[in-house]
């Protein structure tokens, strides 16, 4: 019984480690996305300007509530 409990504890620790390692938003890391360099700025609901819709959608991996506020540079 003790070995089964130890196995469960180890499995839980490994599961937490794997989930944490897969988070693209931990610390100061930015999510990895492959976007073109086309400059068609969009303003996000967070007040930041993204170079294109792909850039905004990439950031949505970390901020699920992020939406397009308007096309163009924020504040213009």
PDB file of N, CA and C in Angstrom:
ATOM      1  N   UNK A   1       0.822  -1.196   0.000  1.00  0.00           N
ATOM      2  CA  UNK A   1       0.000   0.000   0.000  1.00  0.00           C
ATOM      3  C   UNK A   1       0.868   1.261   0.000  1.00  0.00           C
ATOM      4  N   UNK A   2       1.982   1.228   0.764  1.00  0.00           N
ATOM      5  CA  UNK A   2       2.857   2.396   0.816  1.00  0.00           C
ATOM      6  C   UNK A   2       3.482   2.679  -0.544  1.00  0.00           C
ATOM      7  N   UNK A   3       3.858   1.620  -1.260  1.00  0.00           N
ATOM      8  CA  UNK A   3       4.471   1.828  -2.577  1.00  0.00           C
ATOM      9  C   UNK A   3       3.450   2.396  -3.564  1.00  0.00           C
ATOM     10  N   UNK A   4       2.196   1.996  -3.449  1.00  0.00           N
ATOM     11  CA  UNK A   4       1.149   2.536  -4.316  1.00  0.00           C
ATOM     12  C   UNK A   4       0.939   4.021  -4.036  1.00  0.00           C
ATOM     13  N   UNK A   5       0.924   4.403  -2.773  1.00  0.00           N
ATOM     14  CA  UNK A   5       0.776   5.811  -2.398  1.00  0.00           C
ATOM     15  C   UNK A   5       1.956   6.629  -2.905  1.00  0.00           C
ATOM     16  N   UNK A   6       3.148   6.093  -2.772  1.00  0.00           N
ATOM     17  CA  UNK A   6       4.341   6.787  -3.263  1.00  0.00           C
ATOM     18  C   UNK A   6       4.275   6.954  -4.777  1.00  0.00           C
ATOM     19  N   UNK A   7       3.801   5.940  -5.471  1.00  0.00           N
ATOM     20  CA  UNK A   7       3.666   6.008  -6.924  1.00  0.00           C
ATOM     21  C   UNK A   7       2.663   7.089  -7.329  1.00  0.00           C
ATOM     22  N   UNK A   8       1.570   7.191  -6.620  1.00  0.00           N
ATOM     23  CA  UNK A   8       0.558   8.219  -6.898  1.00  0.00           C
ATOM     24  C   UNK A   8       1.141   9.611  -6.668  1.00  0.00           C
ATOM     25  N   UNK A   9       1.879   9.789  -5.595  1.00  0.00           N
ATOM     26  CA  UNK A   9       2.490  11.091  -5.293  1.00  0.00           C
ATOM     27  C   UNK A   9       3.483  11.478  -6.386  1.00  0.00           C
ATOM     28  N   UNK A  10       4.312  10.548  -6.807  1.00  0.00           N
ATOM     29  CA  UNK A  10       5.293  10.828  -7.865  1.00  0.00           C
ATOM     30  C   UNK A  10       4.578  11.166  -9.171  1.00  0.00           C
ATOM     31  N   UNK A  11       3.543  10.427  -9.506  1.00  0.00           N
ATOM     32  CA  UNK A  11       2.787  10.698 -10.732  1.00  0.00           C
ATOM     33  C   UNK A  11       2.155  12.085 -10.686  1.00  0.00           C
ATOM     34  N   UNK A  12       1.640  12.485  -9.541  1.00  0.00           N
ATOM     35  CA  UNK A  12       1.034  13.812  -9.399  1.00  0.00           C
ATOM     36  C   UNK A  12       2.077  14.909  -9.568  1.00  0.00           C
ATOM     37  N   UNK A  13       3.245  14.725  -8.989  1.00  0.00           N
ATOM     38  CA  UNK A  13       4.322  15.720  -9.119  1.00  0.00           C
ATOM     39  C   UNK A  13       4.742  15.847 -10.575  1.00  0.00           C
ATOM     40  N   UNK A  14       4.901  14.735 -11.264  1.00  0.00           N
ATOM     41  CA  UNK A  14       5.279  14.772 -12.677  1.00  0.00           C
ATOM     42  C   UNK A  14       4.196  15.432 -13.524  1.00  0.00           C
ATOM     43  N   UNK A  15       2.941  15.164 -13.235  1.00  0.00           N
ATOM     44  CA  UNK A  15       1.849  15.767 -13.993  1.00  0.00           C
ATOM     45  C   UNK A  15       1.848  17.278 -13.828  1.00  0.00           C
ATOM     46  N   UNK A  16       2.058  17.769 -12.629  1.00  0.00           N
ATOM     47  CA  UNK A  16       2.114  19.212 -12.384  1.00  0.00           C
ATOM     48  C   UNK A  16       3.304  19.816 -13.109  1.00  0.00           C
ATOM     49  N   UNK A  17       4.429  19.137 -13.099  1.00  0.00           N
ATOM     50  CA  UNK A  17       5.630  19.628 -13.780  1.00  0.00           C
ATOM     51  C   UNK A  17       5.397  19.731 -15.285  1.00  0.00           C
ATOM     52  N   UNK A  18       4.768  18.743 -15.883  1.00  0.00           N
ATOM     53  CA  UNK A  18       4.512  18.758 -17.325  1.00  0.00           C
ATOM     54  C   UNK A  18       3.554  19.880 -17.683  1.00  0.00           C
ATOM     55  N   UNK A  19       2.498  20.068 -16.932  1.00  0.00           N
ATOM     56  CA  UNK A  19       1.540  21.138 -17.206  1.00  0.00           C
ATOM     57  C   UNK A  19       2.210  22.497 -17.069  1.00  0.00           C
ATOM     58  N   UNK A  20       3.031  22.681 -16.063  1.00  0.00           N
ATOM     59  CA  UNK A  20       3.739  23.944 -15.864  1.00  0.00           C
ATOM     60  C   UNK A  20       4.712  24.203 -17.003  1.00  0.00           C
ATOM     61  N   UNK A  21       5.402  23.187 -17.460  1.00  0.00           N
ATOM     62  CA  UNK A  21       6.386  23.347 -18.533  1.00  0.00           C
ATOM     63  C   UNK A  21       5.723  23.709 -19.851  1.00  0.00           C
ATOM     64  N   UNK A  22       4.461  23.343 -20.048  1.00  0.00           N
ATOM     65  CA  UNK A  22       3.774  23.611 -21.300  1.00  0.00           C
ATOM     66  C   UNK A  22       3.122  24.982 -21.336  1.00  0.00           C
ATOM     67  N   UNK A  23       3.158  25.733 -20.264  1.00  0.00           N
ATOM     68  CA  UNK A  23       2.534  27.047 -20.224  1.00  0.00           C
ATOM     69  C   UNK A  23       3.429  28.055 -20.934  1.00  0.00           C
ATOM     70  N   UNK A  24       2.991  28.584 -22.097  1.00  0.00           N
ATOM     71  CA  UNK A  24       3.830  29.527 -22.840  1.00  0.00           C
ATOM     72  C   UNK A  24       3.871  30.913 -22.214  1.00  0.00           C
ATOM     73  N   UNK A  25       3.114  31.129 -21.167  1.00  0.00           N
ATOM     74  CA  UNK A  25       2.966  32.467 -20.606  1.00  0.00           C
ATOM     75  C   UNK A  25       3.620  32.632 -19.246  1.00  0.00           C
ATOM     76  N   UNK A  26       4.309  31.622 -18.763  1.00  0.00           N
ATOM     77  CA  UNK A  26       4.906  31.723 -17.439  1.00  0.00           C
ATOM     78  C   UNK A  26       6.091  32.673 -17.452  1.00  0.00           C
ATOM     79  N   UNK A  27       6.252  33.390 -16.375  1.00  0.00           N
ATOM     80  CA  UNK A  27       7.351  34.351 -16.275  1.00  0.00           C
ATOM     81  C   UNK A  27       7.190  35.474 -17.286  1.00  0.00           C
ATOM     82  N   UNK A  28       8.268  35.863 -17.919  1.00  0.00           N
ATOM     83  CA  UNK A  28       8.228  36.918 -18.928  1.00  0.00           C
ATOM     84  C   UNK A  28       8.206  36.358 -20.336  1.00  0.00           C
ATOM     85  N   UNK A  29       7.956  35.087 -20.483  1.00  0.00           N
ATOM     86  CA  UNK A  29       7.970  34.455 -21.797  1.00  0.00           C
ATOM     87  C   UNK A  29       6.767  34.896 -22.619  1.00  0.00           C
ATOM     88  N   UNK A  30       6.972  34.972 -23.901  1.00  0.00           N
ATOM     89  CA  UNK A  30       5.899  35.254 -24.843  1.00  0.00           C
ATOM     90  C   UNK A  30       5.559  33.950 -25.560  1.00  0.00           C
ATOM     91  N   UNK A  31       4.309  33.787 -25.962  1.00  0.00           N
ATOM     92  CA  UNK A  31       3.953  32.569 -26.683  1.00  0.00           C
ATOM     93  C   UNK A  31       4.680  32.509 -28.022  1.00  0.00           C
ATOM     94  N   UNK A  32       4.955  31.307 -28.487  1.00  0.00           N
ATOM     95  CA  UNK A  32       5.614  31.124 -29.770  1.00  0.00           C
ATOM     96  C   UNK A  32       4.561  31.015 -30.858  1.00  0.00           C
ATOM     97  N   UNK A  33       4.630  31.908 -31.818  1.00  0.00           N
ATOM     98  CA  UNK A  33       3.709  31.900 -32.947  1.00  0.00           C
ATOM     99  C   UNK A  33       4.491  32.230 -34.207  1.00  0.00           C
ATOM    100  N   UNK A  34       3.994  31.798 -35.315  1.00  0.00           N
ATOM    101  CA  UNK A  34       4.633  32.076 -36.592  1.00  0.00           C
ATOM    102  C   UNK A  34       3.724  32.993 -37.388  1.00  0.00           C
ATOM    103  N   UNK A  35       4.014  34.283 -37.333  1.00  0.00           N
ATOM    104  CA  UNK A  35       3.219  35.297 -38.018  1.00  0.00           C
ATOM    105  C   UNK A  35       4.060  35.954 -39.105  1.00  0.00           C
ATOM    106  N   UNK A  36       3.382  36.468 -40.118  1.00  0.00           N
ATOM    107  CA  UNK A  36       4.077  37.206 -41.173  1.00  0.00           C
ATOM    108  C   UNK A  36       4.439  38.588 -40.648  1.00  0.00           C
ATOM    109  N   UNK A  37       5.264  39.283 -41.396  1.00  0.00           N
ATOM    110  CA  UNK A  37       5.670  40.631 -41.015  1.00  0.00           C
ATOM    111  C   UNK A  37       4.784  41.693 -41.668  1.00  0.00           C
ATOM    112  N   UNK A  38       3.636  41.295 -42.199  1.00  0.00           N
ATOM    113  CA  UNK A  38       2.708  42.266 -42.787  1.00  0.00           C
ATOM    114  C   UNK A  38       2.303  43.268 -41.715  1.00  0.00           C
ATOM    115  N   UNK A  39       2.383  44.547 -42.049  1.00  0.00           N
ATOM    116  CA  UNK A  39       2.020  45.573 -41.072  1.00  0.00           C
ATOM    117  C   UNK A  39       0.607  46.059 -41.349  1.00  0.00           C
ATOM    118  N   UNK A  40      -0.322  45.506 -40.617  1.00  0.00           N
ATOM    119  CA  UNK A  40      -1.728  45.901 -40.656  1.00  0.00           C
ATOM    120  C   UNK A  40      -2.157  46.007 -39.200  1.00  0.00           C
ATOM    121  N   UNK A  41      -1.783  47.110 -38.538  1.00  0.00           N
ATOM    122  CA  UNK A  41      -1.955  47.201 -37.084  1.00  0.00           C
ATOM    123  C   UNK A  41      -3.400  47.058 -36.619  1.00  0.00           C
ATOM    124  N   UNK A  42      -3.527  46.424 -35.476  1.00  0.00           N
ATOM    125  CA  UNK A  42      -4.816  46.317 -34.794  1.00  0.00           C
ATOM    126  C   UNK A  42      -4.604  46.706 -33.337  1.00  0.00           C
ATOM    127  N   UNK A  43      -5.621  47.312 -32.767  1.00  0.00           N
ATOM    128  CA  UNK A  43      -5.579  47.726 -31.366  1.00  0.00           C
ATOM    129  C   UNK A  43      -6.291  46.674 -30.532  1.00  0.00           C
ATOM    130  N   UNK A  44      -5.612  46.170 -29.536  1.00  0.00           N
ATOM    131  CA  UNK A  44      -6.205  45.173 -28.657  1.00  0.00           C
ATOM    132  C   UNK A  44      -7.016  45.811 -27.541  1.00  0.00           C
ATOM    133  N   UNK A  45      -7.896  45.032 -26.966  1.00  0.00           N
ATOM    134  CA  UNK A  45      -8.727  45.516 -25.862  1.00  0.00           C
ATOM    135  C   UNK A  45      -7.888  45.848 -24.628  1.00  0.00           C
ATOM    136  N   UNK A  46      -6.613  45.471 -24.628  1.00  0.00           N
ATOM    137  CA  UNK A  46      -5.700  45.794 -23.531  1.00  0.00           C
ATOM    138  C   UNK A  46      -4.956  47.105 -23.776  1.00  0.00           C
ATOM    139  N   UNK A  47      -5.295  47.802 -24.866  1.00  0.00           N
ATOM    140  CA  UNK A  47      -4.673  49.086 -25.173  1.00  0.00           C
ATOM    141  C   UNK A  47      -3.340  48.986 -25.888  1.00  0.00           C
ATOM    142  N   UNK A  48      -2.923  47.789 -26.261  1.00  0.00           N
ATOM    143  CA  UNK A  48      -1.653  47.599 -26.967  1.00  0.00           C
ATOM    144  C   UNK A  48      -1.907  47.440 -28.461  1.00  0.00           C
ATOM    145  N   UNK A  49      -0.986  47.990 -29.255  1.00  0.00           N
ATOM    146  CA  UNK A  49      -1.068  47.857 -30.702  1.00  0.00           C
ATOM    147  C   UNK A  49      -0.268  46.632 -31.131  1.00  0.00           C
ATOM    148  N   UNK A  50      -0.878  45.797 -31.946  1.00  0.00           N
ATOM    149  CA  UNK A  50      -0.229  44.609 -32.502  1.00  0.00           C
ATOM    150  C   UNK A  50      -0.016  44.844 -33.986  1.00  0.00           C
ATOM    151  N   UNK A  51       1.094  44.349 -34.522  1.00  0.00           N
ATOM    152  CA  UNK A  51       1.438  44.631 -35.911  1.00  0.00           C
ATOM    153  C   UNK A  51       0.440  44.037 -36.900  1.00  0.00           C
ATOM    154  N   UNK A  52      -0.249  42.988 -36.499  1.00  0.00           N
ATOM    155  CA  UNK A  52      -1.311  42.422 -37.335  1.00  0.00           C
ATOM    156  C   UNK A  52      -2.193  41.513 -36.476  1.00  0.00           C
ATOM    157  N   UNK A  53      -3.243  41.005 -37.083  1.00  0.00           N
ATOM    158  CA  UNK A  53      -4.202  40.178 -36.352  1.00  0.00           C
ATOM    159  C   UNK A  53      -3.549  38.902 -35.820  1.00  0.00           C
ATOM    160  N   UNK A  54      -2.597  38.370 -36.556  1.00  0.00           N
ATOM    161  CA  UNK A  54      -1.899  37.164 -36.097  1.00  0.00           C
ATOM    162  C   UNK A  54      -1.179  37.426 -34.774  1.00  0.00           C
ATOM    163  N   UNK A  55      -0.545  38.583 -34.659  1.00  0.00           N
ATOM    164  CA  UNK A  55       0.148  38.931 -33.422  1.00  0.00           C
ATOM    165  C   UNK A  55      -0.802  39.018 -32.240  1.00  0.00           C
ATOM    166  N   UNK A  56      -1.973  39.593 -32.471  1.00  0.00           N
ATOM    167  CA  UNK A  56      -2.978  39.679 -31.410  1.00  0.00           C
ATOM    168  C   UNK A  56      -3.477  38.284 -31.049  1.00  0.00           C
ATOM    169  N   UNK A  57      -3.768  37.476 -32.061  1.00  0.00           N
ATOM    170  CA  UNK A  57      -4.246  36.116 -31.793  1.00  0.00           C
ATOM    171  C   UNK A  57      -3.196  35.285 -31.068  1.00  0.00           C
ATOM    172  N   UNK A  58      -1.940  35.544 -31.331  1.00  0.00           N
ATOM    173  CA  UNK A  58      -0.859  34.856 -30.627  1.00  0.00           C
ATOM    174  C   UNK A  58      -0.895  35.217 -29.140  1.00  0.00           C
ATOM    175  N   UNK A  59      -1.069  36.488 -28.848  1.00  0.00           N
ATOM    176  CA  UNK A  59      -1.113  36.939 -27.453  1.00  0.00           C
ATOM    177  C   UNK A  59      -2.328  36.375 -26.722  1.00  0.00           C
ATOM    178  N   UNK A  60      -3.373  36.017 -27.474  1.00  0.00           N
ATOM    179  CA  UNK A  60      -4.568  35.433 -26.857  1.00  0.00           C
ATOM    180  C   UNK A  60      -4.273  34.095 -26.185  1.00  0.00           C
ATOM    181  N   UNK A  61      -3.141  33.475 -26.524  1.00  0.00           N
ATOM    182  CA  UNK A  61      -2.755  32.239 -25.832  1.00  0.00           C
ATOM    183  C   UNK A  61      -2.518  32.512 -24.355  1.00  0.00           C
ATOM    184  N   UNK A  62      -2.110  33.741 -24.040  1.00  0.00           N
ATOM    185  CA  UNK A  62      -1.839  34.120 -22.658  1.00  0.00           C
ATOM    186  C   UNK A  62      -2.975  34.931 -22.047  1.00  0.00           C
ATOM    187  N   UNK A  63      -3.741  35.601 -22.885  1.00  0.00           N
ATOM    188  CA  UNK A  63      -4.823  36.468 -22.408  1.00  0.00           C
ATOM    189  C   UNK A  63      -6.093  36.097 -23.160  1.00  0.00           C
ATOM    190  N   UNK A  64      -6.825  35.145 -22.615  1.00  0.00           N
ATOM    191  CA  UNK A  64      -8.016  34.607 -23.285  1.00  0.00           C
ATOM    192  C   UNK A  64      -9.090  35.660 -23.531  1.00  0.00           C
ATOM    193  N   UNK A  65      -9.110  36.737 -22.742  1.00  0.00           N
ATOM    194  CA  UNK A  65     -10.136  37.768 -22.886  1.00  0.00           C
ATOM    195  C   UNK A  65      -9.764  38.841 -23.901  1.00  0.00           C
ATOM    196  N   UNK A  66      -8.582  38.765 -24.494  1.00  0.00           N
ATOM    197  CA  UNK A  66      -8.115  39.773 -25.439  1.00  0.00           C
ATOM    198  C   UNK A  66      -8.958  39.750 -26.709  1.00  0.00           C
ATOM    199  N   UNK A  67      -9.364  40.943 -27.144  1.00  0.00           N
ATOM    200  CA  UNK A  67     -10.178  41.093 -28.352  1.00  0.00           C
ATOM    201  C   UNK A  67      -9.640  42.256 -29.169  1.00  0.00           C
ATOM    202  N   UNK A  68     -10.064  42.342 -30.418  1.00  0.00           N
ATOM    203  CA  UNK A  68      -9.717  43.487 -31.252  1.00  0.00           C
ATOM    204  C   UNK A  68     -10.629  44.635 -30.852  1.00  0.00           C
ATOM    205  N   UNK A  69     -10.036  45.737 -30.409  1.00  0.00           N
ATOM    206  CA  UNK A  69     -10.819  46.924 -30.056  1.00  0.00           C
ATOM    207  C   UNK A  69     -11.105  47.740 -31.311  1.00  0.00           C
ATOM    208  N   UNK A  70     -10.098  47.845 -32.189  1.00  0.00           N
ATOM    209  CA  UNK A  70     -10.272  48.583 -33.442  1.00  0.00           C
ATOM    210  C   UNK A  70      -9.136  48.235 -34.389  1.00  0.00           C
ATOM    211  N   UNK A  71      -9.351  48.540 -35.652  1.00  0.00           N
ATOM    212  CA  UNK A  71      -8.275  48.384 -36.624  1.00  0.00           C
ATOM    213  C   UNK A  71      -7.417  49.630 -36.560  1.00  0.00           C
ATOM    214  N   UNK A  72      -6.124  49.465 -36.759  1.00  0.00           N
ATOM    215  CA  UNK A  72      -5.206  50.593 -36.697  1.00  0.00           C
ATOM    216  C   UNK A  72      -4.506  50.674 -35.354  1.00  0.00           C
ATOM    217  N   UNK A  73      -3.685  51.707 -35.218  1.00  0.00           N
ATOM    218  CA  UNK A  73      -2.896  51.927 -34.006  1.00  0.00           C
ATOM    219  C   UNK A  73      -3.802  52.398 -32.872  1.00  0.00           C
ATOM    220  N   UNK A  74      -3.558  51.913 -31.676  1.00  0.00           N
ATOM    221  CA  UNK A  74      -4.344  52.336 -30.512  1.00  0.00           C
ATOM    222  C   UNK A  74      -4.175  53.839 -30.286  1.00  0.00           C
ATOM    223  N   UNK A  75      -5.259  54.504 -29.983  1.00  0.00           N
ATOM    224  CA  UNK A  75      -5.220  55.927 -29.663  1.00  0.00           C
ATOM    225  C   UNK A  75      -5.169  56.837 -30.865  1.00  0.00           C
ATOM    226  N   UNK A  76      -5.338  56.288 -32.062  1.00  0.00           N
ATOM    227  CA  UNK A  76      -5.312  57.176 -33.233  1.00  0.00           C
ATOM    228  C   UNK A  76      -6.671  57.255 -33.885  1.00  0.00           C
TER     229      UNK A  76
END
